[in-house]
Amino acid sequence: MGSAKTALLLTTAYNFEERDVAYLCFKPVTDTREKRSVIRSRIGIERECKWIYHDTDLYEVVTRMHEEGGMVPEWMLVDEAQFLTPIQVDQLAKVVDDYGCNVMCFGLRTDFQTHLFEGSRRLFEIADSIEEVKSTCSCGRKTIVNARIDSLGRIVTEGEQVEIGGNDKYMSLCRKCWNTRRLDSMNKGQLPL
């Protein structure tokens, strides 16, 4: 959150267009903030994309393109990759290996409780390379926690792993600030931040 991951994906797509590089953008339908298939950054730029449903076979999508005489894209850009299933991550790896298509996934490593998302875990296990997009906590340290907050800005420590939201529900914190604020909230009866 707040690291400009999506803006980086959209900038990459723009650069591909400028150089006539064939690419496709994808996003899991789990991210319900948009009512249409679009990837949108908080800075206001957006791009159409293809939805990835929980049962979408990404290898089959590319195979079908190939069999129908369509050009297999040189690149696949996937936003919110933490919401992919482990099987879908494996399918993307097979796309890379069998079709020579490059895949870049953008997403979060962990949830609000600092636990790996399933899709992120599988990406860490098999990705050819991982590049961290860094952001800074208000204290100056590197953020690593996507803290969930309530409407009063208090740290939320329990709930479903996935709750879609933006700055109204999440804030990026370093581990020290997250731990301090989390403990303060628990010890002081959930006082606002």
C-alpha atoms as a PDB file:
ATOM      1  CA  MET A   1       0.000   0.000   0.000  1.00  0.00           C
ATOM      2  CA  GLY A   2       1.284   3.423  -0.889  1.00  0.00           C
ATOM      3  CA  SER A   3       4.359   2.170  -2.750  1.00  0.00           C
ATOM      4  CA  ALA A   4       3.064   3.001  -6.259  1.00  0.00           C
ATOM      5  CA  LYS A   5       2.996  -0.658  -7.366  1.00  0.00           C
ATOM      6  CA  THR A   6       0.001  -0.113  -9.613  1.00  0.00           C
ATOM      7  CA  ALA A   7       1.428   3.135 -10.991  1.00  0.00           C
ATOM      8  CA  LEU A   8       4.601   1.201 -11.859  1.00  0.00           C
ATOM      9  CA  LEU A   9       2.547  -1.448 -13.680  1.00  0.00           C
ATOM     10  CA  LEU A  10       0.671   1.250 -15.612  1.00  0.00           C
ATOM     11  CA  THR A  11       3.890   3.076 -16.484  1.00  0.00           C
ATOM     12  CA  THR A  12       5.341  -0.202 -17.742  1.00  0.00           C
ATOM     13  CA  ALA A  13       2.252  -0.731 -19.921  1.00  0.00           C
ATOM     14  CA  TYR A  14       2.579   2.800 -21.300  1.00  0.00           C
ATOM     15  CA  ASN A  15       6.256   2.193 -22.141  1.00  0.00           C
ATOM     16  CA  PHE A  16       5.342  -1.044 -23.918  1.00  0.00           C
ATOM     17  CA  GLU A  17       2.748   0.818 -26.001  1.00  0.00           C
ATOM     18  CA  GLU A  18       5.292   3.464 -26.941  1.00  0.00           C
ATOM     19  CA  ARG A  19       7.642   0.745 -28.222  1.00  0.00           C
ATOM     20  CA  ASP A  20       4.922  -1.414 -29.860  1.00  0.00           C
ATOM     21  CA  VAL A  21       5.555  -4.304 -27.463  1.00  0.00           C
ATOM     22  CA  ALA A  22       2.629  -6.748 -27.253  1.00  0.00           C
ATOM     23  CA  TYR A  23       1.304  -7.048 -23.710  1.00  0.00           C
ATOM     24  CA  LEU A  24      -1.835  -7.821 -21.734  1.00  0.00           C
ATOM     25  CA  CYS A  25      -2.897  -6.532 -18.320  1.00  0.00           C
ATOM     26  CA  PHE A  26      -4.722  -8.761 -15.830  1.00  0.00           C
ATOM     27  CA  LYS A  27      -6.232  -8.309 -12.383  1.00  0.00           C
ATOM     28  CA  PRO A  28      -8.008 -10.766 -10.073  1.00  0.00           C
ATOM     29  CA  VAL A  29     -11.709 -10.005  -9.794  1.00  0.00           C
ATOM     30  CA  THR A  30     -11.234 -10.232  -6.003  1.00  0.00           C
ATOM     31  CA  ASP A  31     -10.287  -6.537  -6.116  1.00  0.00           C
ATOM     32  CA  THR A  32     -13.847  -5.224  -6.232  1.00  0.00           C
ATOM     33  CA  ARG A  33     -13.055  -1.505  -6.020  1.00  0.00           C
ATOM     34  CA  GLU A  34     -13.774  -1.125  -9.740  1.00  0.00           C
ATOM     35  CA  LYS A  35     -17.047  -2.048 -11.396  1.00  0.00           C
ATOM     36  CA  ARG A  36     -15.371  -2.645 -14.765  1.00  0.00           C
ATOM     37  CA  SER A  37     -12.216  -4.451 -15.786  1.00  0.00           C
ATOM     38  CA  VAL A  38      -9.719  -1.673 -15.204  1.00  0.00           C
ATOM     39  CA  ILE A  39      -6.493  -1.217 -13.295  1.00  0.00           C
ATOM     40  CA  ARG A  40      -6.493   2.207 -11.655  1.00  0.00           C
ATOM     41  CA  SER A  41      -3.793   3.932  -9.645  1.00  0.00           C
ATOM     42  CA  ARG A  42      -4.520   6.412  -6.878  1.00  0.00           C
ATOM     43  CA  ILE A  43      -2.647   9.027  -8.905  1.00  0.00           C
ATOM     44  CA  GLY A  44      -5.441   8.886 -11.476  1.00  0.00           C
ATOM     45  CA  ILE A  45      -4.109   6.800 -14.350  1.00  0.00           C
ATOM     46  CA  GLU A  46      -5.860   3.647 -15.510  1.00  0.00           C
ATOM     47  CA  ARG A  47      -5.835   0.938 -18.139  1.00  0.00           C
ATOM     48  CA  GLU A  48      -8.280  -1.710 -19.282  1.00  0.00           C
ATOM     49  CA  CYS A  49      -7.460  -5.237 -18.177  1.00  0.00           C
ATOM     50  CA  LYS A  50      -8.776  -8.766 -18.282  1.00  0.00           C
ATOM     51  CA  TRP A  51     -10.374 -10.180 -15.137  1.00  0.00           C
ATOM     52  CA  ILE A  52      -8.869 -13.231 -13.490  1.00  0.00           C
ATOM     53  CA  TYR A  53     -11.589 -15.256 -11.793  1.00  0.00           C
ATOM     54  CA  HIS A  54     -10.821 -17.810  -9.094  1.00  0.00           C
ATOM     55  CA  ASP A  55     -11.202 -20.600 -11.675  1.00  0.00           C
ATOM     56  CA  THR A  56      -9.441 -18.857 -14.594  1.00  0.00           C
ATOM     57  CA  ASP A  57      -6.771 -21.065 -16.144  1.00  0.00           C
ATOM     58  CA  LEU A  58      -4.152 -18.532 -17.241  1.00  0.00           C
ATOM     59  CA  TYR A  59      -2.200 -21.120 -19.216  1.00  0.00           C
ATOM     60  CA  GLU A  60      -5.372 -22.010 -21.116  1.00  0.00           C
ATOM     61  CA  VAL A  61      -5.993 -18.306 -21.868  1.00  0.00           C
ATOM     62  CA  VAL A  62      -2.607 -18.002 -23.565  1.00  0.00           C
ATOM     63  CA  THR A  63      -2.909 -21.422 -25.260  1.00  0.00           C
ATOM     64  CA  ARG A  64      -6.284 -20.411 -26.703  1.00  0.00           C
ATOM     65  CA  MET A  65      -4.760 -17.175 -28.039  1.00  0.00           C
ATOM     66  CA  HIS A  66      -1.983 -19.186 -29.662  1.00  0.00           C
ATOM     67  CA  GLU A  67      -4.334 -21.784 -31.175  1.00  0.00           C
ATOM     68  CA  GLU A  68      -6.705 -19.145 -32.543  1.00  0.00           C
ATOM     69  CA  GLY A  69      -3.839 -17.637 -34.509  1.00  0.00           C
ATOM     70  CA  GLY A  70      -3.530 -14.712 -32.195  1.00  0.00           C
ATOM     71  CA  MET A  71      -0.192 -13.415 -31.142  1.00  0.00           C
ATOM     72  CA  VAL A  72       0.949 -14.537 -27.716  1.00  0.00           C
ATOM     73  CA  PRO A  73       1.877 -11.350 -25.855  1.00  0.00           C
ATOM     74  CA  GLU A  74       5.520 -10.670 -25.104  1.00  0.00           C
ATOM     75  CA  TRP A  75       4.502  -9.563 -21.623  1.00  0.00           C
ATOM     76  CA  MET A  76       1.718 -10.216 -19.139  1.00  0.00           C
ATOM     77  CA  LEU A  77       1.301  -7.636 -16.374  1.00  0.00           C
ATOM     78  CA  VAL A  78      -0.690  -8.826 -13.347  1.00  0.00           C
ATOM     79  CA  ASP A  79      -1.932  -6.422 -10.676  1.00  0.00           C
ATOM     80  CA  GLU A  80      -2.992  -7.509  -7.167  1.00  0.00           C
ATOM     81  CA  ALA A  81      -1.104 -10.791  -7.636  1.00  0.00           C
ATOM     82  CA  GLN A  82      -1.540 -11.699  -3.975  1.00  0.00           C
ATOM     83  CA  PHE A  83      -5.099 -12.719  -4.904  1.00  0.00           C
ATOM     84  CA  LEU A  84      -3.952 -15.338  -7.431  1.00  0.00           C
ATOM     85  CA  THR A  85      -4.320 -18.956  -6.429  1.00  0.00           C
ATOM     86  CA  PRO A  86      -1.125 -21.011  -6.142  1.00  0.00           C
ATOM     87  CA  ILE A  87      -2.305 -22.996  -9.181  1.00  0.00           C
ATOM     88  CA  GLN A  88      -2.631 -19.759 -11.194  1.00  0.00           C
ATOM     89  CA  VAL A  89       0.916 -18.776 -10.238  1.00  0.00           C
ATOM     90  CA  ASP A  90       2.074 -22.177 -11.511  1.00  0.00           C
ATOM     91  CA  GLN A  91       0.104 -21.579 -14.721  1.00  0.00           C
ATOM     92  CA  LEU A  92       1.917 -18.267 -15.222  1.00  0.00           C
ATOM     93  CA  ALA A  93       5.265 -20.026 -14.748  1.00  0.00           C
ATOM     94  CA  LYS A  94       4.231 -22.546 -17.416  1.00  0.00           C
ATOM     95  CA  VAL A  95       3.319 -19.637 -19.753  1.00  0.00           C
ATOM     96  CA  VAL A  96       6.852 -18.289 -19.271  1.00  0.00           C
ATOM     97  CA  ASP A  97       8.474 -21.681 -19.831  1.00  0.00           C
ATOM     98  CA  ASP A  98       6.333 -22.916 -22.750  1.00  0.00           C
ATOM     99  CA  TYR A  99       5.563 -19.704 -24.636  1.00  0.00           C
ATOM    100  CA  GLY A 100       8.491 -17.447 -23.751  1.00  0.00           C
ATOM    101  CA  CYS A 101       6.075 -14.788 -22.524  1.00  0.00           C
ATOM    102  CA  ASN A 102       7.464 -12.588 -19.760  1.00  0.00           C
ATOM    103  CA  VAL A 103       5.247 -12.155 -16.699  1.00  0.00           C
ATOM    104  CA  MET A 104       5.464  -9.339 -14.167  1.00  0.00           C
ATOM    105  CA  CYS A 105       3.291  -9.620 -11.067  1.00  0.00           C
ATOM    106  CA  PHE A 106       2.599  -6.677  -8.781  1.00  0.00           C
ATOM    107  CA  GLY A 107       1.095  -7.206  -5.365  1.00  0.00           C
ATOM    108  CA  LEU A 108       1.404  -7.334  -1.616  1.00  0.00           C
ATOM    109  CA  ARG A 109       3.551  -9.788   0.264  1.00  0.00           C
ATOM    110  CA  THR A 110       1.508 -10.059   3.453  1.00  0.00           C
ATOM    111  CA  ASP A 111      -1.911  -9.281   4.867  1.00  0.00           C
ATOM    112  CA  PHE A 112      -2.782  -6.944   7.755  1.00  0.00           C
ATOM    113  CA  GLN A 113      -1.695  -9.616  10.257  1.00  0.00           C
ATOM    114  CA  THR A 114       1.710 -10.040   8.517  1.00  0.00           C
ATOM    115  CA  HIS A 115       0.807 -13.460   7.061  1.00  0.00           C
ATOM    116  CA  LEU A 116       1.690 -14.295   3.475  1.00  0.00           C
ATOM    117  CA  PHE A 117      -1.132 -14.352   0.947  1.00  0.00           C
ATOM    118  CA  GLU A 118      -1.370 -17.704  -0.891  1.00  0.00           C
ATOM    119  CA  GLY A 119      -0.549 -16.164  -4.270  1.00  0.00           C
ATOM    120  CA  SER A 120       2.388 -14.229  -2.827  1.00  0.00           C
ATOM    121  CA  ARG A 121       3.739 -17.328  -1.105  1.00  0.00           C
ATOM    122  CA  ARG A 122       3.757 -19.267  -4.372  1.00  0.00           C
ATOM    123  CA  LEU A 123       5.388 -16.367  -6.219  1.00  0.00           C
ATOM    124  CA  PHE A 124       8.161 -16.261  -3.614  1.00  0.00           C
ATOM    125  CA  GLU A 125       8.639 -19.995  -4.053  1.00  0.00           C
ATOM    126  CA  ILE A 126       8.991 -20.103  -7.856  1.00  0.00           C
ATOM    127  CA  ALA A 127       9.543 -16.613  -9.299  1.00  0.00           C
ATOM    128  CA  ASP A 128      12.712 -16.125 -11.330  1.00  0.00           C
ATOM    129  CA  SER A 129      13.278 -12.845  -9.513  1.00  0.00           C
ATOM    130  CA  ILE A 130      11.584 -10.673  -6.896  1.00  0.00           C
ATOM    131  CA  GLU A 131      11.962  -6.906  -6.758  1.00  0.00           C
ATOM    132  CA  GLU A 132      10.622  -5.059  -3.769  1.00  0.00           C
ATOM    133  CA  VAL A 133       8.914  -1.731  -4.338  1.00  0.00           C
ATOM    134  CA  LYS A 134       9.718   0.264  -1.221  1.00  0.00           C
ATOM    135  CA  SER A 135       7.732   2.906   0.600  1.00  0.00           C
ATOM    136  CA  THR A 136       8.489   4.841   3.765  1.00  0.00           C
ATOM    137  CA  CYS A 137       6.721   4.884   7.125  1.00  0.00           C
ATOM    138  CA  SER A 138       6.002   8.239   8.774  1.00  0.00           C
ATOM    139  CA  CYS A 139       8.961   7.519  11.101  1.00  0.00           C
ATOM    140  CA  GLY A 140      11.328   7.200   8.124  1.00  0.00           C
ATOM    141  CA  ARG A 141      11.795   3.422   8.165  1.00  0.00           C
ATOM    142  CA  LYS A 142      10.855   1.088   5.324  1.00  0.00           C
ATOM    143  CA  THR A 143       7.230  -0.046   5.456  1.00  0.00           C
ATOM    144  CA  ILE A 144       6.545  -3.763   5.572  1.00  0.00           C
ATOM    145  CA  VAL A 145       3.063  -3.967   7.144  1.00  0.00           C
ATOM    146  CA  ASN A 146      -0.233  -3.074   5.504  1.00  0.00           C
ATOM    147  CA  ALA A 147      -2.057  -2.249   8.719  1.00  0.00           C
ATOM    148  CA  ARG A 148      -5.845  -2.421   8.614  1.00  0.00           C
ATOM    149  CA  ILE A 149      -7.561   0.478  10.342  1.00  0.00           C
ATOM    150  CA  ASP A 150     -11.131   1.180  11.336  1.00  0.00           C
ATOM    151  CA  SER A 151     -13.127   4.354  10.572  1.00  0.00           C
ATOM    152  CA  LEU A 152     -11.464   6.114  13.529  1.00  0.00           C
ATOM    153  CA  GLY A 153      -7.955   5.201  12.409  1.00  0.00           C
ATOM    154  CA  ARG A 154      -7.426   2.492  15.034  1.00  0.00           C
ATOM    155  CA  ILE A 155      -5.407  -0.632  14.217  1.00  0.00           C
ATOM    156  CA  VAL A 156      -7.576  -3.669  13.486  1.00  0.00           C
ATOM    157  CA  THR A 157      -6.031  -6.984  14.509  1.00  0.00           C
ATOM    158  CA  GLU A 158      -8.766  -9.502  13.683  1.00  0.00           C
ATOM    159  CA  GLY A 159     -10.974 -10.281  10.714  1.00  0.00           C
ATOM    160  CA  GLU A 160     -11.024 -11.917   7.323  1.00  0.00           C
ATOM    161  CA  GLN A 161      -7.729 -11.960   5.449  1.00  0.00           C
ATOM    162  CA  VAL A 162      -9.223 -10.090   2.491  1.00  0.00           C
ATOM    163  CA  GLU A 163     -11.098  -6.842   2.979  1.00  0.00           C
ATOM    164  CA  ILE A 164     -10.861  -4.651  -0.073  1.00  0.00           C
ATOM    165  CA  GLY A 165     -10.088  -1.000   0.521  1.00  0.00           C
ATOM    166  CA  GLY A 166      -7.656   1.821   0.032  1.00  0.00           C
ATOM    167  CA  ASN A 167      -6.406   4.585   2.302  1.00  0.00           C
ATOM    168  CA  ASP A 168      -9.726   4.457   4.153  1.00  0.00           C
ATOM    169  CA  LYS A 169      -8.966   0.934   5.429  1.00  0.00           C
ATOM    170  CA  TYR A 170      -5.198   0.496   5.282  1.00  0.00           C
ATOM    171  CA  MET A 171      -1.999   2.329   6.123  1.00  0.00           C
ATOM    172  CA  SER A 172       1.582   1.313   5.470  1.00  0.00           C
ATOM    173  CA  LEU A 173       3.791   1.062   8.532  1.00  0.00           C
ATOM    174  CA  CYS A 174       7.225  -0.229   9.457  1.00  0.00           C
ATOM    175  CA  ARG A 175       7.204  -3.263  11.739  1.00  0.00           C
ATOM    176  CA  LYS A 176       8.160  -1.205  14.821  1.00  0.00           C
ATOM    177  CA  CYS A 177       5.389   1.381  14.362  1.00  0.00           C
ATOM    178  CA  TRP A 178       2.842  -1.337  13.568  1.00  0.00           C
ATOM    179  CA  ASN A 179       3.774  -3.318  16.649  1.00  0.00           C
ATOM    180  CA  THR A 180       3.782  -0.220  18.886  1.00  0.00           C
ATOM    181  CA  ARG A 181       0.415   1.028  17.585  1.00  0.00           C
ATOM    182  CA  ARG A 182      -1.106  -2.443  17.686  1.00  0.00           C
ATOM    183  CA  LEU A 183      -0.042  -2.968  21.304  1.00  0.00           C
ATOM    184  CA  ASP A 184      -1.132   0.555  22.255  1.00  0.00           C
ATOM    185  CA  SER A 185      -4.547  -0.090  20.741  1.00  0.00           C
ATOM    186  CA  MET A 186      -4.879  -3.351  22.657  1.00  0.00           C
ATOM    187  CA  ASN A 187      -3.634  -1.897  25.966  1.00  0.00           C
ATOM    188  CA  LYS A 188      -5.497   1.394  25.848  1.00  0.00           C
ATOM    189  CA  GLY A 189      -8.870   0.214  24.691  1.00  0.00           C
ATOM    190  CA  GLN A 190      -8.438   0.950  20.979  1.00  0.00           C
ATOM    191  CA  LEU A 191      -7.594   4.657  21.174  1.00  0.00           C
ATOM    192  CA  PRO A 192      -7.415   6.455  17.796  1.00  0.00           C
ATOM    193  CA  LEU A 193      -4.013   6.890  16.170  1.00  0.00           C
END
